[in-house]
């Protein structure tokens, strides 16, 4: 079950008209904190992100499952079920106590380095490399529509600082 603070943040993002991926980011953030606190571990950063996305879908964030061929069929099916559950199209399944405990025990034995700043940075860079110029342009245009005047001004100043630093 997601924490109340996370749900509050997601609700705020939704009100502000932010993308479902941004809303889901709050669940991923919560998951990273859980790993760092030692609540459980993760085999790698992708697994940690996948857990957060699953939580987001179950909580009702309108984040559609990945298209066919993007991920393994099993992962896609799992995402579809979580999405349907979050949208109220399917009743939540009653988890098996034995299975739940077994998964918890396995997760506790996994490492914490999946949530390190270095691992997250590496994952972000590899994901960014896969995006096309058109994708980036589309994201920039959406930012113009949703940030508002103040947000755009702040972003422009930050970009100028970054360019100045790189010279």
Protein backbone atom coordinates (compact mmCIF):
# COMPACT_ATOMS: atom_id res chain seq x y z
CA UNK A 1 0.00 0.00 0.00
CA UNK A 2 1.43 3.41 -0.97
CA UNK A 3 2.10 5.95 1.76
CA UNK A 4 -0.39 8.79 2.30
CA UNK A 5 2.28 11.40 1.52
CA UNK A 6 2.92 9.79 -1.89
CA UNK A 7 -0.80 9.70 -2.70
CA UNK A 8 -1.09 13.39 -1.72
CA UNK A 9 1.81 14.31 -4.02
CA UNK A 10 0.30 12.33 -6.90
CA UNK A 11 -3.06 14.06 -6.41
CA UNK A 12 -1.30 17.44 -6.51
CA UNK A 13 0.53 16.51 -9.74
CA UNK A 14 -2.76 15.40 -11.27
CA UNK A 15 -4.45 18.69 -10.32
CA UNK A 16 -1.57 20.61 -11.90
CA UNK A 17 -2.13 18.73 -15.17
CA UNK A 18 1.17 16.88 -15.10
CA UNK A 19 1.72 13.76 -17.21
CA UNK A 20 0.83 10.30 -15.85
CA UNK A 21 4.56 9.45 -16.03
CA UNK A 22 5.30 12.36 -13.69
CA UNK A 23 2.59 11.15 -11.30
CA UNK A 24 4.05 7.63 -11.45
CA UNK A 25 7.45 9.13 -10.65
CA UNK A 26 6.24 9.75 -7.10
CA UNK A 27 5.68 6.01 -6.61
CA UNK A 28 9.12 5.27 -8.03
CA UNK A 29 10.60 7.83 -5.62
CA UNK A 30 8.83 6.09 -2.72
CA UNK A 31 10.23 2.73 -3.87
CA UNK A 32 13.78 4.10 -4.00
CA UNK A 33 13.37 5.40 -0.46
CA UNK A 34 12.14 1.98 0.70
CA UNK A 35 15.21 0.34 -0.80
CA UNK A 36 17.55 2.89 0.77
CA UNK A 37 15.87 2.48 4.17
CA UNK A 38 16.43 -1.26 3.90
CA UNK A 39 12.75 -2.18 3.80
CA UNK A 40 13.66 -4.47 0.89
CA UNK A 41 16.20 -4.58 -1.95
CA UNK A 42 16.10 -4.88 -5.72
CA UNK A 43 18.15 -6.84 -8.21
CA UNK A 44 18.68 -3.77 -10.39
CA UNK A 45 17.36 -0.26 -11.00
CA UNK A 46 14.94 -1.42 -13.70
CA UNK A 47 13.29 -3.80 -11.23
CA UNK A 48 12.96 -1.02 -8.65
CA UNK A 49 11.33 1.25 -11.26
CA UNK A 50 9.00 -1.55 -12.38
CA UNK A 51 7.78 -2.04 -8.79
CA UNK A 52 7.02 1.70 -8.56
CA UNK A 53 5.18 1.71 -11.90
CA UNK A 54 3.10 -1.29 -10.84
CA UNK A 55 2.12 0.50 -7.61
CA UNK A 56 1.18 3.59 -9.63
CA UNK A 57 -1.04 1.61 -12.00
CA UNK A 58 -2.77 -0.15 -9.10
CA UNK A 59 -3.35 3.23 -7.42
CA UNK A 60 -5.21 4.51 -10.48
CA UNK A 61 -2.60 6.55 -12.37
CA UNK A 62 -3.59 6.54 -16.05
CA UNK A 63 -0.34 4.99 -17.20
CA UNK A 64 -1.08 2.52 -20.01
CA UNK A 65 0.87 -0.75 -20.17
CA UNK A 66 3.79 -0.90 -22.63
CA UNK A 67 3.10 -1.77 -26.27
CA UNK A 68 3.68 -5.30 -27.60
CA UNK A 69 7.37 -5.92 -28.21
CA UNK A 70 8.58 -3.20 -25.84
CA UNK A 71 8.83 -5.58 -22.88
CA UNK A 72 8.43 -9.28 -22.20
CA UNK A 73 4.87 -10.61 -22.64
CA UNK A 74 4.76 -11.60 -18.97
CA UNK A 75 5.70 -8.08 -17.82
CA UNK A 76 3.21 -6.51 -20.22
CA UNK A 77 0.42 -8.79 -19.00
CA UNK A 78 1.23 -7.91 -15.40
CA UNK A 79 1.11 -4.19 -16.28
CA UNK A 80 -2.23 -4.69 -18.05
CA UNK A 81 -3.76 -6.37 -14.99
CA UNK A 82 -2.42 -3.68 -12.65
CA UNK A 83 -3.79 -0.95 -14.96
CA UNK A 84 -7.24 -2.57 -15.14
CA UNK A 85 -7.29 -2.93 -11.38
CA UNK A 86 -6.38 0.75 -10.92
CA UNK A 87 -9.05 1.86 -13.38
CA UNK A 88 -11.72 -0.18 -11.57
CA UNK A 89 -12.22 -2.59 -14.50
CA UNK A 90 -11.07 -5.57 -12.44
CA UNK A 91 -11.41 -6.53 -8.78
CA UNK A 92 -8.15 -6.60 -6.80
CA UNK A 93 -6.96 -10.16 -6.26
CA UNK A 94 -6.55 -11.47 -2.76
CA UNK A 95 -2.82 -12.17 -2.44
CA UNK A 96 -1.64 -15.58 -1.27
CA UNK A 97 -0.08 -15.24 2.17
CA UNK A 98 2.61 -17.86 1.47
CA UNK A 99 3.58 -16.35 -1.88
CA UNK A 100 3.58 -12.82 -0.49
CA UNK A 101 5.88 -13.82 2.38
CA UNK A 102 8.18 -15.74 0.04
CA UNK A 103 8.55 -12.72 -2.28
CA UNK A 104 9.19 -10.43 0.71
CA UNK A 105 11.93 -12.73 1.97
CA UNK A 106 13.59 -12.90 -1.45
CA UNK A 107 13.42 -9.10 -1.83
CA UNK A 108 15.00 -8.59 1.61
CA UNK A 109 18.07 -10.51 0.43
CA UNK A 110 18.59 -8.32 -2.64
CA UNK A 111 21.08 -5.44 -2.56
CA UNK A 112 20.49 -1.74 -1.99
CA UNK A 113 22.81 -0.43 -4.71
CA UNK A 114 19.94 -0.46 -7.26
CA UNK A 115 18.64 2.74 -5.64
CA UNK A 116 22.02 4.50 -5.45
CA UNK A 117 22.46 7.87 -7.15
CA UNK A 118 25.04 6.34 -9.48
CA UNK A 119 22.72 3.50 -10.56
CA UNK A 120 19.79 5.89 -11.08
CA UNK A 121 21.96 8.26 -13.10
CA UNK A 122 23.21 5.40 -15.29
CA UNK A 123 19.63 4.20 -15.88
CA UNK A 124 18.42 7.72 -16.73
CA UNK A 125 21.25 8.24 -19.22
CA UNK A 126 20.65 4.93 -20.98
CA UNK A 127 16.90 5.65 -21.17
CA UNK A 128 17.54 9.17 -22.51
CA UNK A 129 19.84 7.83 -25.25
CA UNK A 130 16.94 5.81 -26.64
CA UNK A 131 14.71 8.86 -27.09
CA UNK A 132 14.48 10.43 -30.53
CA UNK A 133 14.69 14.14 -31.31
CA UNK A 134 10.95 14.08 -32.05
CA UNK A 135 10.26 12.63 -28.59
CA UNK A 136 12.33 15.33 -26.93
CA UNK A 137 10.66 18.04 -29.00
CA UNK A 138 7.21 16.76 -28.04
CA UNK A 139 8.17 16.78 -24.35
CA UNK A 140 9.48 20.35 -24.65
CA UNK A 141 6.27 21.52 -26.31
CA UNK A 142 4.17 19.92 -23.58
CA UNK A 143 6.33 21.67 -20.98
CA UNK A 144 5.53 24.99 -22.66
CA UNK A 145 1.81 24.22 -22.35
CA UNK A 146 1.86 23.00 -18.74
CA UNK A 147 4.65 24.85 -16.91
CA UNK A 148 3.10 28.32 -16.98
CA UNK A 149 5.01 31.60 -17.30
CA UNK A 150 6.96 31.30 -14.04
CA UNK A 151 7.99 27.71 -14.70
CA UNK A 152 9.19 28.51 -18.22
CA UNK A 153 11.21 31.45 -16.97
CA UNK A 154 12.83 29.24 -14.32
CA UNK A 155 13.63 26.54 -16.90
CA UNK A 156 15.14 29.08 -19.31
CA UNK A 157 17.39 30.51 -16.58
CA UNK A 158 18.52 27.02 -15.61
CA UNK A 159 19.30 26.18 -19.26
CA UNK A 160 21.31 29.40 -19.60
CA UNK A 161 23.31 28.53 -16.47
CA UNK A 162 24.01 25.05 -17.82
CA UNK A 163 25.17 26.41 -21.19
CA UNK A 164 27.43 28.96 -19.46
CA UNK A 165 28.97 26.22 -17.31
CA UNK A 166 29.68 23.99 -20.32
CA UNK A 167 31.65 26.71 -22.18
